[in-house]
Protein backbone atom coordinates (compact mmCIF):
# COMPACT_ATOMS: atom_id res chain seq x y z
CA MET A 1 40.40 4.76 27.33
CA ASN A 2 44.09 4.35 28.63
CA VAL A 3 45.15 7.46 26.89
CA ALA A 4 42.62 9.49 28.87
CA LEU A 5 43.74 7.97 32.24
CA PRO A 6 46.85 10.51 33.17
CA ASP A 7 44.25 13.44 32.87
CA VAL A 8 41.70 11.82 34.72
CA ARG A 9 44.05 11.34 37.50
CA ARG A 10 45.62 14.93 37.12
CA ASP A 11 42.13 16.54 37.10
CA LEU A 12 40.15 14.36 39.45
CA GLY A 13 43.19 13.68 41.89
CA SER A 14 42.73 10.03 41.53
CA THR A 15 44.96 7.24 43.07
CA PRO A 16 46.31 4.72 40.58
CA GLU A 17 44.12 2.14 42.54
CA ALA A 18 40.91 4.18 41.80
CA LEU A 19 41.95 4.17 38.02
CA LEU A 20 41.86 0.47 37.89
CA TRP A 21 38.34 0.59 38.77
CA VAL A 22 37.66 3.01 35.99
CA VAL A 23 39.27 0.58 33.63
CA ASN A 24 37.50 -2.27 35.03
CA ALA A 25 34.16 -0.60 34.77
CA TYR A 26 34.78 0.33 31.12
CA ALA A 27 35.40 -3.11 30.38
CA LEU A 28 32.43 -4.61 31.86
CA ALA A 29 30.02 -1.93 30.21
CA PHE A 30 31.80 -2.59 26.93
CA GLY A 31 31.29 -6.33 27.19
CA GLY A 32 27.91 -5.85 28.49
CA LEU A 33 26.91 -3.74 25.45
CA LEU A 34 28.60 -5.90 23.14
CA MET A 35 26.73 -9.05 23.98
CA LEU A 36 23.36 -7.19 24.01
CA GLY A 37 24.07 -5.64 20.47
CA GLY A 38 24.77 -9.31 19.30
CA ARG A 39 21.63 -10.71 20.86
CA LEU A 40 19.65 -7.69 19.44
CA ALA A 41 21.04 -8.50 15.93
CA ASP A 42 20.15 -12.16 16.18
CA LEU A 43 16.52 -11.04 17.08
CA ILE A 44 15.91 -8.10 14.68
CA GLY A 45 18.77 -8.29 12.20
CA SER A 46 22.19 -6.79 11.81
CA SER A 47 21.53 -4.16 9.48
CA ARG A 48 18.61 -2.67 11.84
CA VAL A 49 20.98 -2.87 14.70
CA LEU A 50 23.62 -1.11 12.65
CA ALA A 51 21.22 1.62 11.61
CA MET A 52 19.98 2.24 15.27
CA GLY A 53 23.57 2.26 16.50
CA LEU A 54 24.47 4.88 14.02
CA ALA A 55 21.53 6.89 14.59
CA LEU A 56 22.29 6.80 18.52
CA PHE A 57 25.84 7.76 17.76
CA GLY A 58 24.87 10.78 15.59
CA ALA A 59 22.37 11.94 18.15
CA ALA A 60 24.72 11.81 21.21
CA SER A 61 27.31 13.45 19.08
CA LEU A 62 24.92 15.99 17.96
CA ALA A 63 24.03 16.64 21.89
CA GLY A 64 27.44 16.81 22.91
CA GLY A 65 28.30 19.27 20.07
CA ARG A 66 25.64 21.56 21.19
CA ALA A 67 26.29 21.22 24.87
CA SER A 68 27.65 24.38 26.30
CA SER A 69 30.21 24.32 29.20
CA ARG A 70 31.37 26.84 31.57
CA ALA A 71 34.20 24.78 33.00
CA ARG A 72 37.97 26.07 33.24
CA PRO A 73 39.93 24.43 30.48
CA SER A 74 42.97 22.50 31.65
CA PRO A 75 46.15 23.86 31.59
CA PRO A 76 48.58 22.94 28.60
CA VAL A 77 50.66 20.00 29.35
CA ARG A 78 54.57 20.66 29.50
CA SER A 79 57.01 18.08 28.32
């Protein structure tokens, strides 16, 4: 997450204060989903939750790979 923040700031023109909201939203979503996954593992078993998570990740990766984008690529970063 922190690696992408400079690019988000540059591409979207965000302020440093707005980037703090991005980090906080990510942390809240991650924590909430972690608790949900733990509860699901308690209810239906950890191996089933792992299999469902891997299937969901694979489906999302496939959908992302097949998506087309007409967006202009970012210019190379000069150091």
